[in-house]
Amino acid sequence: MDNKILYELRKRFNPDGSLLRRQQLRMLELLEAVDLVCKKYDIPYWLSSGTLIGAVRHQGFIPWDDDLDIEMLREDYLRLMKVLPEELPDKFVLQTHETDPNYISNYAKVRDMNSYLEETNAYDRIWKYQGVYIDIFSLERIPFSLAWIAGHMQGQIYNQLNNQSLKQETMLRRIRLIYRFNSKIGFPILRFLAKFIPGKKLRHSFGTAYFKPRYLEDIFPLSEMEFEGKKFPVPHNTDALLRKIYGDYMKLPDLDAIHPHYSKLEIYK
């Protein structure tokens, strides 16, 4: 993209010192911490989604982007979850259902402890950790039909969160029961069934309502790309992967229709 356009976008959305730019740099710190652990334990991962578009199109964050996503295969994700809690610096924390019983997403977040963030959907209102974060998604071979079923199973949790008539104690009890059923019974059954359905499409693990597929041949062997002046892993055929998900990802969206994912953000240090 033309350097003049890149400069104008930075000037408009995330100039140095702005709150958004400070959030982006904090997310970059989180990414670097995870990157060190992945390198130490030889755990492959790669930049994904809008973060990957940012690397290709802007050599860093999309100027208005306020989240950061990485992906890895499920077996690598499970390995990372075992070692990450002990390897992260004290100023960061791993957020999963195991570290935060009210956290109901089926992917992990790594949170900053020196900031505070409220998301616009308010689902995070019951979570223990609410600092600036990055998302870690796992991929596995899942047919669309089973992914769709799992998405609706997980959706029952959000139905409880959106039910304004429920007392918080009742709501928390229900979402924990649904989460336990899904993770211990429902999703393992779907994972077992997936073994008998032919196909090579990878999708975010059960219960994550992002259904666009990825393909191993586009991902491996991993390459590297500059992101905010540093090198991070990216899929081998980044262009093919992004076009299958987003179409013409190099085209800018309607800049007047962009809204943040958070309703409140504070960064303390």
Protein backbone atom coordinates (compact mmCIF):
# COMPACT_ATOMS: atom_id res chain seq x y z
CA MET A 1 0.00 0.00 0.00
CA ASP A 2 1.18 3.53 -0.79
CA ASN A 3 3.23 5.05 2.05
CA LYS A 4 1.23 8.28 1.93
CA ILE A 5 -2.01 6.37 2.50
CA LEU A 6 -0.41 4.41 5.34
CA TYR A 7 0.74 7.65 6.95
CA GLU A 8 -2.70 9.26 6.67
CA LEU A 9 -4.38 6.20 8.20
CA ARG A 10 -1.94 6.20 11.13
CA LYS A 11 -2.49 9.92 11.63
CA ARG A 12 -6.28 9.48 11.67
CA PHE A 13 -6.69 6.34 13.76
CA ASN A 14 -3.65 5.50 15.89
CA PRO A 15 -1.09 8.29 16.12
CA ASP A 16 1.78 7.82 18.55
CA GLY A 17 0.65 8.39 22.13
CA SER A 18 -3.04 7.82 21.42
CA LEU A 19 -4.96 5.41 23.61
CA LEU A 20 -5.44 2.97 20.72
CA ARG A 21 -1.75 3.06 19.87
CA ARG A 22 -0.87 2.38 23.51
CA GLN A 23 -3.26 -0.59 23.47
CA GLN A 24 -1.67 -1.90 20.27
CA LEU A 25 1.81 -1.68 21.74
CA ARG A 26 0.62 -3.51 24.86
CA MET A 27 -0.82 -6.25 22.66
CA LEU A 28 2.51 -6.40 20.86
CA GLU A 29 4.20 -7.03 24.23
CA LEU A 30 1.75 -9.87 24.89
CA LEU A 31 2.49 -11.37 21.47
CA GLU A 32 6.24 -11.18 22.08
CA ALA A 33 5.83 -13.00 25.41
CA VAL A 34 3.82 -15.81 23.77
CA ASP A 35 6.28 -15.94 20.88
CA LEU A 36 9.17 -16.55 23.29
CA VAL A 37 7.33 -19.46 24.93
CA CYS A 38 6.38 -20.98 21.59
CA LYS A 39 9.99 -20.80 20.42
CA LYS A 40 11.26 -22.30 23.67
CA TYR A 41 8.94 -25.32 23.39
CA ASP A 42 8.94 -25.56 19.57
CA ILE A 43 5.22 -24.84 19.31
CA PRO A 44 4.20 -23.64 15.84
CA TYR A 45 1.75 -20.72 15.61
CA TRP A 46 1.02 -17.92 13.16
CA LEU A 47 -0.58 -14.49 12.92
CA SER A 48 -4.20 -14.75 11.81
CA SER A 49 -7.33 -12.86 10.80
CA GLY A 50 -7.08 -9.06 10.96
CA THR A 51 -3.63 -9.30 12.50
CA LEU A 52 -2.41 -11.15 9.42
CA ILE A 53 -4.10 -8.63 7.11
CA GLY A 54 -2.33 -5.92 9.07
CA ALA A 55 1.03 -7.60 8.57
CA VAL A 56 0.50 -7.85 4.80
CA ARG A 57 -1.20 -4.51 4.17
CA HIS A 58 0.28 -2.25 6.86
CA GLN A 59 3.41 -4.11 8.07
CA GLY A 60 1.83 -3.93 11.52
CA PHE A 61 -1.57 -3.35 13.06
CA ILE A 62 -4.42 -2.26 10.88
CA PRO A 63 -4.50 1.35 12.16
CA TRP A 64 -7.97 1.04 13.71
CA ASP A 65 -7.56 -2.54 14.94
CA ASP A 66 -8.01 -3.12 18.67
CA ASP A 67 -7.43 -6.87 18.88
CA LEU A 68 -4.71 -9.36 17.95
CA ASP A 69 -5.24 -12.99 16.92
CA ILE A 70 -2.96 -15.97 16.50
CA GLU A 71 -3.76 -19.56 15.53
CA MET A 72 -2.21 -22.99 15.96
CA LEU A 73 -3.19 -26.63 15.54
CA ARG A 74 -5.15 -28.10 18.43
CA GLU A 75 -2.42 -30.49 19.54
CA ASP A 76 0.00 -27.57 19.77
CA TYR A 77 -2.59 -25.44 21.55
CA LEU A 78 -3.00 -28.11 24.24
CA ARG A 79 0.77 -28.22 24.74
CA LEU A 80 0.93 -24.44 25.02
CA MET A 81 -1.85 -24.33 27.61
CA LYS A 82 0.19 -26.63 29.85
CA VAL A 83 3.35 -24.53 29.87
CA LEU A 84 2.12 -20.97 29.38
CA PRO A 85 0.88 -20.25 32.94
CA GLU A 86 4.35 -20.89 34.38
CA GLU A 87 6.26 -19.19 31.58
CA LEU A 88 4.46 -15.86 31.33
CA PRO A 89 5.91 -12.85 33.16
CA ASP A 90 3.97 -11.79 36.26
CA LYS A 91 2.44 -8.81 34.48
CA PHE A 92 0.56 -11.14 32.10
CA VAL A 93 -1.91 -13.96 32.78
CA LEU A 94 -3.46 -16.81 30.79
CA GLN A 95 -7.26 -16.68 30.75
CA THR A 96 -9.12 -19.94 30.16
CA HIS A 97 -12.02 -21.62 31.94
CA GLU A 98 -9.44 -23.29 34.18
CA THR A 99 -7.91 -19.99 35.35
CA ASP A 100 -11.22 -18.09 35.36
CA PRO A 101 -14.32 -20.28 36.01
CA ASN A 102 -16.67 -17.63 34.58
CA TYR A 103 -14.74 -17.37 31.30
CA ILE A 104 -16.83 -19.21 28.72
CA SER A 105 -14.94 -18.88 25.43
CA ASN A 106 -13.38 -21.98 23.88
CA TYR A 107 -10.16 -20.21 23.04
CA ALA A 108 -7.56 -18.66 25.30
CA LYS A 109 -6.69 -15.07 25.98
CA VAL A 110 -3.44 -13.75 27.35
CA ARG A 111 -4.22 -10.68 29.45
CA ASP A 112 -2.25 -7.70 30.62
CA MET A 113 -2.58 -7.06 34.36
CA ASN A 114 -1.86 -3.32 34.17
CA SER A 115 -4.86 -2.23 32.14
CA TYR A 116 -8.65 -2.48 32.13
CA LEU A 117 -10.98 -3.06 29.20
CA GLU A 118 -14.75 -3.42 28.91
CA GLU A 119 -16.05 -4.93 25.68
CA THR A 120 -19.14 -3.54 23.99
CA ASN A 121 -20.99 -6.87 24.20
CA ALA A 122 -20.58 -6.89 28.02
CA TYR A 123 -19.93 -10.64 28.09
CA ASP A 124 -16.71 -9.91 29.97
CA ARG A 125 -18.60 -8.38 32.91
CA ILE A 126 -18.43 -11.67 34.83
CA TRP A 127 -14.79 -12.48 34.03
CA LYS A 128 -11.97 -12.32 36.52
CA TYR A 129 -9.39 -10.83 34.16
CA GLN A 130 -10.28 -7.76 32.07
CA GLY A 131 -7.03 -6.23 30.87
CA VAL A 132 -5.83 -5.71 27.32
CA TYR A 133 -5.54 -9.12 25.65
CA ILE A 134 -4.63 -11.19 22.64
CA ASP A 135 -6.60 -14.25 21.45
CA ILE A 136 -5.15 -17.72 20.85
CA PHE A 137 -7.29 -19.94 18.62
CA SER A 138 -6.85 -23.64 17.97
CA LEU A 139 -7.64 -25.31 14.64
CA GLU A 140 -8.74 -28.87 13.95
CA ARG A 141 -10.38 -30.78 11.13
CA ILE A 142 -14.10 -30.08 11.50
CA PRO A 143 -16.88 -30.43 8.89
CA PHE A 144 -19.12 -27.37 8.63
CA SER A 145 -22.22 -29.24 9.83
CA LEU A 146 -20.58 -30.22 13.12
CA ALA A 147 -19.07 -26.77 13.58
CA TRP A 148 -22.54 -25.29 13.11
CA ILE A 149 -24.04 -27.62 15.72
CA ALA A 150 -21.26 -26.77 18.19
CA GLY A 151 -21.76 -23.06 17.57
CA HIS A 152 -25.42 -23.36 18.53
CA MET A 153 -24.55 -25.41 21.59
CA GLN A 154 -22.16 -22.71 22.70
CA GLY A 155 -24.79 -20.12 21.85
CA GLN A 156 -26.91 -21.36 24.75
CA ILE A 157 -24.35 -19.76 27.06
CA TYR A 158 -24.78 -16.37 25.39
CA ASN A 159 -28.54 -16.73 25.67
CA GLN A 160 -28.11 -16.87 29.44
CA LEU A 161 -25.74 -13.90 29.44
CA ASN A 162 -28.26 -11.87 27.44
CA ASN A 163 -31.21 -12.79 29.67
CA GLN A 164 -31.70 -9.64 31.72
CA SER A 165 -34.37 -11.25 33.92
CA LEU A 166 -31.95 -13.75 35.49
CA LYS A 167 -30.31 -13.13 38.80
CA GLN A 168 -26.52 -13.25 38.47
CA GLU A 169 -26.23 -16.33 40.70
CA THR A 170 -28.72 -18.23 38.53
CA MET A 171 -27.07 -17.05 35.33
CA LEU A 172 -23.61 -18.10 36.51
CA ARG A 173 -24.85 -21.53 37.57
CA ARG A 174 -26.50 -22.09 34.19
CA ILE A 175 -23.56 -21.02 32.07
CA ARG A 176 -21.17 -23.20 34.08
CA LEU A 177 -23.48 -26.20 33.62
CA ILE A 178 -23.77 -25.60 29.87
CA TYR A 179 -20.02 -25.07 29.53
CA ARG A 180 -19.32 -28.27 31.46
CA PHE A 181 -21.73 -30.28 29.33
CA ASN A 182 -20.35 -28.90 26.08
CA SER A 183 -16.69 -29.38 26.98
CA LYS A 184 -17.00 -32.76 28.71
CA ILE A 185 -19.75 -34.45 26.67
CA GLY A 186 -21.09 -32.53 23.67
CA PHE A 187 -17.89 -31.40 21.96
CA PRO A 188 -16.00 -34.69 22.55
CA ILE A 189 -18.89 -36.52 20.85
CA LEU A 190 -18.74 -34.13 17.88
CA ARG A 191 -14.95 -34.51 17.75
CA PHE A 192 -15.36 -38.30 17.63
CA LEU A 193 -17.93 -38.04 14.82
CA ALA A 194 -15.65 -35.73 12.84
CA LYS A 195 -13.16 -38.59 12.50
CA PHE A 196 -15.62 -40.45 10.27
CA ILE A 197 -16.49 -37.58 7.95
CA PRO A 198 -13.97 -37.12 5.12
CA GLY A 199 -12.52 -33.69 4.47
CA LYS A 200 -9.42 -31.61 5.01
CA LYS A 201 -10.87 -28.25 6.08
CA LEU A 202 -9.55 -26.85 9.34
CA ARG A 203 -11.79 -24.69 11.49
CA HIS A 204 -11.59 -23.05 14.88
CA SER A 205 -12.22 -25.66 17.55
CA PHE A 206 -15.75 -26.62 18.59
CA GLY A 207 -17.81 -23.88 20.16
CA THR A 208 -16.08 -21.01 18.39
CA ALA A 209 -18.55 -19.42 16.00
CA TYR A 210 -16.06 -18.62 13.22
CA PHE A 211 -16.73 -21.12 10.46
CA LYS A 212 -14.44 -20.03 7.62
CA PRO A 213 -12.05 -22.91 6.81
CA ARG A 214 -8.26 -22.97 6.61
CA TYR A 215 -6.12 -25.46 4.70
CA LEU A 216 -2.88 -27.09 5.77
CA GLU A 217 -1.31 -26.57 2.35
CA ASP A 218 -1.77 -22.81 2.73
CA ILE A 219 -0.29 -22.77 6.24
CA PHE A 220 2.73 -25.06 6.27
CA PRO A 221 5.64 -24.72 6.04
CA LEU A 222 5.37 -21.48 8.00
CA SER A 223 7.10 -18.34 6.83
CA GLU A 224 7.88 -15.03 8.55
CA MET A 225 6.66 -11.50 8.00
CA GLU A 226 7.36 -8.11 9.49
CA PHE A 227 4.82 -6.89 12.03
CA GLU A 228 5.51 -3.66 13.89
CA GLY A 229 9.21 -3.84 13.08
CA LYS A 230 9.62 -7.44 14.27
CA LYS A 231 9.40 -10.82 12.54
CA PHE A 232 6.60 -13.24 13.41
CA PRO A 233 5.36 -16.53 11.89
CA VAL A 234 2.76 -16.36 9.14
CA PRO A 235 1.18 -18.98 6.85
CA HIS A 236 3.24 -20.18 3.91
CA ASN A 237 0.71 -18.96 1.33
CA THR A 238 -0.70 -15.94 3.11
CA ASP A 239 -2.37 -14.49 0.02
CA ALA A 240 -4.31 -17.68 -0.77
CA LEU A 241 -5.39 -18.12 2.85
CA LEU A 242 -6.63 -14.54 3.22
CA ARG A 243 -8.43 -14.50 -0.13
CA LYS A 244 -10.35 -17.66 0.76
CA ILE A 245 -11.55 -16.02 3.97
CA TYR A 246 -11.93 -12.35 3.08
CA GLY A 247 -11.87 -12.03 -0.70
CA ASP A 248 -10.10 -8.79 -1.69
CA TYR A 249 -8.46 -8.19 1.68
CA MET A 250 -6.26 -5.41 0.28
CA LYS A 251 -9.30 -3.18 -0.23
CA LEU A 252 -9.94 -0.81 2.66
CA PRO A 253 -13.37 -0.97 4.34
CA ASP A 254 -15.69 1.98 4.82
CA LEU A 255 -13.57 4.00 7.25
CA ASP A 256 -16.59 5.89 8.59
CA ALA A 257 -18.26 2.65 9.69
CA ILE A 258 -15.45 1.50 11.98
CA HIS A 259 -16.25 1.09 15.67
CA PRO A 260 -14.09 -0.17 18.57
CA HIS A 261 -14.71 -3.50 20.30
CA TYR A 262 -14.51 -1.89 23.72
CA SER A 263 -16.66 0.62 25.57
CA LYS A 264 -14.01 1.50 28.16
CA LEU A 265 -10.22 1.24 28.14
CA GLU A 266 -7.66 2.26 30.73
CA ILE A 267 -3.92 1.60 30.59
CA TYR A 268 -2.10 2.15 33.88
CA LYS A 269 1.57 1.60 33.08
